[in-house]
Amino acid sequence: MNAEAFAAFYDRFFGDFLEDLPFYQGYAERAGSPLLEVGCGTGRLTVPLAVAGFRLVGLDISLAMLDRARERAAAAGVADRIRWVQGDATQGVPEGPYPMAFIPLNTFLHFHTLEAQRAVLAHLHRALEPGGLLLLDCLNPDAGLLQESGQVHLRMWQEDPESGGMLLWFEARRVDAAAQRLEVVLLVEERQPDGAWRRWAFPNVMRFVWPGELRLLLENAGFAVEAMFGAYDLSPLREDSPQILAVARRV
């Protein structure tokens, strides 16, 4: 995905999503600062965690996302609690040690080859302190996901009654179960106040992981899996769970 171009839309779609914040904050209270967030984006989680009193390092590959994150942190008065770093986690992460690191909201799947996922886990293992926690949030490849191939869904729309503007977000998926490859195209259409429409397409590729495979990946990278949940309320992981929330500790 062209993250630089998508940065202009990210907060409009995801900026208010905080259902996962208590999950990370609960473990952060157990682990302490500093926290490392891989794929911090525009600071959707980083800034609220800093407001809660934690110190953080936010890593993202997109400079445009990080520029928006800095603005959000400054507006919240926590700019001094966060260090923003531009970089690719497959090549390395900011030097620790950290008592906790986390990769939220399917970001781990955007490292879309097995080699890339292994590399990220290896870098995080080196960056965590002994016994440090790693939290991963990955979509659960249930039967519903595998049947969505080729379908287009309207995921969200926003209207501005005053200006007459409208923003639509469509999503199309193509699934290759054998390759564990999920190709997603985000289609964004915006109606301008003058009635004209502008359209963008953001293609993306993810490599989804099965729960047992994720456990093996973590164990092979030197982690012990403490828990695997199926939702942010810490309910058990089941076949139809929306997420795989893995909590692992550096051995």
Foldseek 3Di string as FASTA:
>chain_A
DPLLVCLVCCCVPPLPDCLQQVLVLVVCVVQADDEEEEQCFQVSNPQVSLVVPHAYEYEEQYPNRPVNNCVVNVVSVRNVRYHYYHDQLLVADPAAATLEYEYDDANLQLLPDPSSSLSNLLRNLRRYDAFHKYKYKRFACAPVNQPQAADKDWDDKDADVVLRKMKTWIKHWHADVVQQKIKIKIKIWMQGSVRDIDIDIDIGMGRHDHPVRVCVSNVVSQKHWPAWALDSVRHRNDNPRGITITMITHD
